[in-house]
Amino acid sequence: MKQMQIAVFLLFSLISASCESKERKETNSPELVKLQKEVKEAVQATKDYTAQQKANFVNKSKTDLAEIEAELNALTAEIKSARKDAQDEANARLQRMRDKASELDRQRESLKKSGEPAWNDLKGSFTKSTDDLKNSIKDARRWLADKIAP
């Protein structure tokens, strides 16, 4: 984000310098050429940084989803120990969580394919959905602990 602000600042500096340059009729001044080069480098650095952040987030999201899947599989095993009258409700909760996990996987795929402007919005949505699902799993574990047959 900081690099984006710097790039925007440099872009405005370039525009300002360009306007001054046109007024002076010195469109090929060494200062302008240097400034243009710096702006291009800053913009490229920002793009590279954003791409790296996106790649790191997508990799982390893959790990998060694998952990969630493992938790859901463990929960499946725990459900078998629950009282018979609670198993139907537990299985229904489990299915809703598996549906949410599938939706998260689709969101992760969208994240991988998204362009720079959209990925920040998708990232926030994905993070919130992941946190919500993790909390649902914790709640299900607590609920199920009361239903486990002695």
C-alpha atoms as a PDB file:
ATOM      1  CA  MET A   1       0.000   0.000   0.000  1.00  0.00           C
ATOM      2  CA  LYS A   2       2.860   2.351   0.873  1.00  0.00           C
ATOM      3  CA  GLN A   3       4.498   1.643  -2.468  1.00  0.00           C
ATOM      4  CA  MET A   4       1.216   2.396  -4.229  1.00  0.00           C
ATOM      5  CA  GLN A   5       1.133   5.805  -2.531  1.00  0.00           C
ATOM      6  CA  ILE A   6       4.704   6.457  -3.600  1.00  0.00           C
ATOM      7  CA  ALA A   7       3.880   5.450  -7.164  1.00  0.00           C
ATOM      8  CA  VAL A   8       0.891   7.788  -7.209  1.00  0.00           C
ATOM      9  CA  PHE A   9       3.018  10.606  -5.816  1.00  0.00           C
ATOM     10  CA  LEU A  10       5.671  10.002  -8.439  1.00  0.00           C
ATOM     11  CA  LEU A  11       3.018   9.891 -11.147  1.00  0.00           C
ATOM     12  CA  PHE A  12       1.672  13.267 -10.065  1.00  0.00           C
ATOM     13  CA  SER A  13       5.224  14.578  -9.969  1.00  0.00           C
ATOM     14  CA  LEU A  14       5.702  13.343 -13.513  1.00  0.00           C
ATOM     15  CA  ILE A  15       2.533  15.050 -14.676  1.00  0.00           C
ATOM     16  CA  SER A  16       3.534  18.244 -12.943  1.00  0.00           C
ATOM     17  CA  ALA A  17       7.014  18.112 -14.425  1.00  0.00           C
ATOM     18  CA  SER A  18       5.535  17.365 -17.819  1.00  0.00           C
ATOM     19  CA  CYS A  19       3.286  20.417 -17.632  1.00  0.00           C
ATOM     20  CA  GLU A  20       6.197  22.602 -16.593  1.00  0.00           C
ATOM     21  CA  SER A  21       8.260  21.045 -19.353  1.00  0.00           C
ATOM     22  CA  LYS A  22       5.672  21.878 -21.974  1.00  0.00           C
ATOM     23  CA  GLU A  23       5.593  25.427 -20.736  1.00  0.00           C
ATOM     24  CA  ARG A  24       9.363  25.610 -21.107  1.00  0.00           C
ATOM     25  CA  LYS A  25       9.335  23.684 -24.398  1.00  0.00           C
ATOM     26  CA  GLU A  26      11.964  21.336 -22.998  1.00  0.00           C
ATOM     27  CA  THR A  27      10.278  17.986 -23.454  1.00  0.00           C
ATOM     28  CA  ASN A  28      13.516  16.006 -23.526  1.00  0.00           C
ATOM     29  CA  SER A  29      15.226  17.501 -20.503  1.00  0.00           C
ATOM     30  CA  PRO A  30      17.432  15.104 -18.535  1.00  0.00           C
ATOM     31  CA  GLU A  31      15.389  15.746 -15.379  1.00  0.00           C
ATOM     32  CA  LEU A  32      12.160  14.705 -17.099  1.00  0.00           C
ATOM     33  CA  VAL A  33      13.706  11.586 -18.583  1.00  0.00           C
ATOM     34  CA  LYS A  34      15.093  10.652 -15.157  1.00  0.00           C
ATOM     35  CA  LEU A  35      11.726  11.291 -13.521  1.00  0.00           C
ATOM     36  CA  GLN A  36       9.897   9.211 -16.110  1.00  0.00           C
ATOM     37  CA  LYS A  37      12.311   6.348 -15.527  1.00  0.00           C
ATOM     38  CA  GLU A  38      11.859   6.578 -11.751  1.00  0.00           C
ATOM     39  CA  VAL A  39       8.077   6.562 -12.091  1.00  0.00           C
ATOM     40  CA  LYS A  40       8.172   3.506 -14.343  1.00  0.00           C
ATOM     41  CA  GLU A  41      10.442   1.708 -11.892  1.00  0.00           C
ATOM     42  CA  ALA A  42       8.214   2.631  -8.939  1.00  0.00           C
ATOM     43  CA  VAL A  43       5.094   1.440 -10.743  1.00  0.00           C
ATOM     44  CA  GLN A  44       6.797  -1.839 -11.677  1.00  0.00           C
ATOM     45  CA  ALA A  45       8.057  -2.322  -8.120  1.00  0.00           C
ATOM     46  CA  THR A  46       4.517  -1.786  -6.847  1.00  0.00           C
ATOM     47  CA  LYS A  47       3.132  -4.330  -9.306  1.00  0.00           C
ATOM     48  CA  ASP A  48       5.824  -6.840  -8.343  1.00  0.00           C
ATOM     49  CA  TYR A  49       5.170  -6.308  -4.647  1.00  0.00           C
ATOM     50  CA  THR A  50       1.427  -6.727  -5.101  1.00  0.00           C
ATOM     51  CA  ALA A  51       1.917  -9.887  -7.156  1.00  0.00           C
ATOM     52  CA  GLN A  52       4.180 -11.339  -4.465  1.00  0.00           C
ATOM     53  CA  GLN A  53       1.686 -10.470  -1.720  1.00  0.00           C
ATOM     54  CA  LYS A  54      -1.084 -12.102  -3.731  1.00  0.00           C
ATOM     55  CA  ALA A  55       0.979 -15.267  -4.302  1.00  0.00           C
ATOM     56  CA  ASN A  56       1.807 -15.481  -0.591  1.00  0.00           C
ATOM     57  CA  PHE A  57      -1.847 -15.049   0.346  1.00  0.00           C
ATOM     58  CA  VAL A  58      -3.030 -17.671  -2.151  1.00  0.00           C
ATOM     59  CA  ASN A  59      -0.463 -20.146  -0.789  1.00  0.00           C
ATOM     60  CA  LYS A  60      -1.517 -19.417   2.793  1.00  0.00           C
ATOM     61  CA  SER A  61      -5.169 -19.818   1.842  1.00  0.00           C
ATOM     62  CA  LYS A  62      -4.400 -23.244   0.392  1.00  0.00           C
ATOM     63  CA  THR A  63      -2.779 -24.255   3.686  1.00  0.00           C
ATOM     64  CA  ASP A  64      -5.728 -22.853   5.659  1.00  0.00           C
ATOM     65  CA  LEU A  65      -8.186 -24.853   3.573  1.00  0.00           C
ATOM     66  CA  ALA A  66      -6.156 -28.040   4.060  1.00  0.00           C
ATOM     67  CA  GLU A  67      -6.229 -27.475   7.835  1.00  0.00           C
ATOM     68  CA  ILE A  68      -9.976 -26.854   7.706  1.00  0.00           C
ATOM     69  CA  GLU A  69     -10.491 -30.064   5.734  1.00  0.00           C
ATOM     70  CA  ALA A  70      -8.475 -31.990   8.339  1.00  0.00           C
ATOM     71  CA  GLU A  71     -10.584 -30.458  11.114  1.00  0.00           C
ATOM     72  CA  LEU A  72     -13.775 -31.442   9.312  1.00  0.00           C
ATOM     73  CA  ASN A  73     -12.502 -34.994   8.873  1.00  0.00           C
ATOM     74  CA  ALA A  74     -11.677 -35.191  12.586  1.00  0.00           C
ATOM     75  CA  LEU A  75     -15.126 -33.844  13.390  1.00  0.00           C
ATOM     76  CA  THR A  76     -16.641 -36.571  11.229  1.00  0.00           C
ATOM     77  CA  ALA A  77     -14.909 -39.180  13.383  1.00  0.00           C
ATOM     78  CA  GLU A  78     -16.093 -37.476  16.566  1.00  0.00           C
ATOM     79  CA  ILE A  79     -19.690 -37.482  15.375  1.00  0.00           C
ATOM     80  CA  LYS A  80     -19.641 -41.270  15.385  1.00  0.00           C
ATOM     81  CA  SER A  81     -19.077 -41.114  19.142  1.00  0.00           C
ATOM     82  CA  ALA A  82     -22.071 -38.845  19.710  1.00  0.00           C
ATOM     83  CA  ARG A  83     -25.400 -40.039  20.996  1.00  0.00           C
ATOM     84  CA  LYS A  84     -27.610 -41.368  18.215  1.00  0.00           C
ATOM     85  CA  ASP A  85     -30.183 -38.590  18.730  1.00  0.00           C
ATOM     86  CA  ALA A  86     -27.478 -35.942  18.170  1.00  0.00           C
ATOM     87  CA  GLN A  87     -25.815 -37.520  15.151  1.00  0.00           C
ATOM     88  CA  ASP A  88     -28.396 -36.273  12.636  1.00  0.00           C
ATOM     89  CA  GLU A  89     -28.019 -32.674  13.758  1.00  0.00           C
ATOM     90  CA  ALA A  90     -24.242 -33.032  13.935  1.00  0.00           C
ATOM     91  CA  ASN A  91     -24.116 -34.419  10.398  1.00  0.00           C
ATOM     92  CA  ALA A  92     -26.296 -31.538   9.170  1.00  0.00           C
ATOM     93  CA  ARG A  93     -23.925 -29.029  10.799  1.00  0.00           C
ATOM     94  CA  LEU A  94     -20.977 -30.847   9.300  1.00  0.00           C
ATOM     95  CA  GLN A  95     -22.517 -30.720   5.828  1.00  0.00           C
ATOM     96  CA  ARG A  96     -23.081 -26.955   6.130  1.00  0.00           C
ATOM     97  CA  MET A  97     -19.439 -26.515   7.115  1.00  0.00           C
ATOM     98  CA  ARG A  98     -18.282 -28.681   4.210  1.00  0.00           C
ATOM     99  CA  ASP A  99     -20.418 -26.541   1.878  1.00  0.00           C
ATOM    100  CA  LYS A 100     -18.750 -23.426   3.279  1.00  0.00           C
ATOM    101  CA  ALA A 101     -15.325 -25.023   2.776  1.00  0.00           C
ATOM    102  CA  SER A 102     -16.213 -25.772  -0.853  1.00  0.00           C
ATOM    103  CA  GLU A 103     -17.270 -22.176  -1.330  1.00  0.00           C
ATOM    104  CA  LEU A 104     -13.978 -21.027   0.179  1.00  0.00           C
ATOM    105  CA  ASP A 105     -12.117 -23.199  -2.299  1.00  0.00           C
ATOM    106  CA  ARG A 106     -14.032 -21.538  -5.150  1.00  0.00           C
ATOM    107  CA  GLN A 107     -13.166 -18.131  -3.678  1.00  0.00           C
ATOM    108  CA  ARG A 108      -9.514 -19.167  -3.514  1.00  0.00           C
ATOM    109  CA  GLU A 109      -9.607 -20.072  -7.195  1.00  0.00           C
ATOM    110  CA  SER A 110     -11.137 -16.666  -7.948  1.00  0.00           C
ATOM    111  CA  LEU A 111      -8.355 -15.052  -5.924  1.00  0.00           C
ATOM    112  CA  LYS A 112      -5.726 -16.845  -8.002  1.00  0.00           C
ATOM    113  CA  LYS A 113      -7.280 -15.597 -11.234  1.00  0.00           C
ATOM    114  CA  SER A 114      -8.173 -12.081 -10.097  1.00  0.00           C
ATOM    115  CA  GLY A 115      -6.440  -8.947 -11.256  1.00  0.00           C
ATOM    116  CA  GLU A 116      -4.729  -6.469  -8.985  1.00  0.00           C
ATOM    117  CA  PRO A 117      -7.711  -4.208  -8.227  1.00  0.00           C
ATOM    118  CA  ALA A 118     -10.137  -7.020  -7.421  1.00  0.00           C
ATOM    119  CA  TRP A 119      -7.897  -9.235  -5.347  1.00  0.00           C
ATOM    120  CA  ASN A 120      -7.848  -6.938  -2.307  1.00  0.00           C
ATOM    121  CA  ASP A 121     -11.634  -7.082  -2.095  1.00  0.00           C
ATOM    122  CA  LEU A 122     -11.624 -10.848  -2.581  1.00  0.00           C
ATOM    123  CA  LYS A 123      -8.864 -11.197  -0.005  1.00  0.00           C
ATOM    124  CA  GLY A 124     -10.950  -9.453   2.644  1.00  0.00           C
ATOM    125  CA  SER A 125     -14.006 -11.535   1.863  1.00  0.00           C
ATOM    126  CA  PHE A 126     -11.987 -14.760   1.882  1.00  0.00           C
ATOM    127  CA  THR A 127     -10.326 -13.920   5.195  1.00  0.00           C
ATOM    128  CA  LYS A 128     -13.663 -13.168   6.853  1.00  0.00           C
ATOM    129  CA  SER A 129     -15.249 -16.348   5.482  1.00  0.00           C
ATOM    130  CA  THR A 130     -12.273 -18.432   6.629  1.00  0.00           C
ATOM    131  CA  ASP A 131     -12.434 -16.979  10.129  1.00  0.00           C
ATOM    132  CA  ASP A 132     -16.188 -17.583  10.260  1.00  0.00           C
ATOM    133  CA  LEU A 133     -15.760 -21.224   9.239  1.00  0.00           C
ATOM    134  CA  LYS A 134     -12.992 -21.801  11.788  1.00  0.00           C
ATOM    135  CA  ASN A 135     -15.279 -20.373  14.469  1.00  0.00           C
ATOM    136  CA  SER A 136     -18.109 -22.626  13.283  1.00  0.00           C
ATOM    137  CA  ILE A 137     -15.829 -25.639  13.650  1.00  0.00           C
ATOM    138  CA  LYS A 138     -14.906 -24.587  17.195  1.00  0.00           C
ATOM    139  CA  ASP A 139     -18.583 -24.099  18.055  1.00  0.00           C
ATOM    140  CA  ALA A 140     -19.444 -27.499  16.588  1.00  0.00           C
ATOM    141  CA  ARG A 141     -16.715 -29.143  18.657  1.00  0.00           C
ATOM    142  CA  ARG A 142     -18.053 -27.547  21.849  1.00  0.00           C
ATOM    143  CA  TRP A 143     -21.616 -28.543  20.981  1.00  0.00           C
ATOM    144  CA  LEU A 144     -20.535 -32.057  20.084  1.00  0.00           C
ATOM    145  CA  ALA A 145     -18.562 -32.475  23.326  1.00  0.00           C
ATOM    146  CA  ASP A 146     -21.888 -32.324  25.180  1.00  0.00           C
ATOM    147  CA  LYS A 147     -23.388 -34.950  22.881  1.00  0.00           C
ATOM    148  CA  ILE A 148     -20.638 -37.561  23.059  1.00  0.00           C
ATOM    149  CA  ALA A 149     -21.942 -40.782  24.545  1.00  0.00           C
ATOM    150  CA  PRO A 150     -20.355 -41.596  27.930  1.00  0.00           C
END
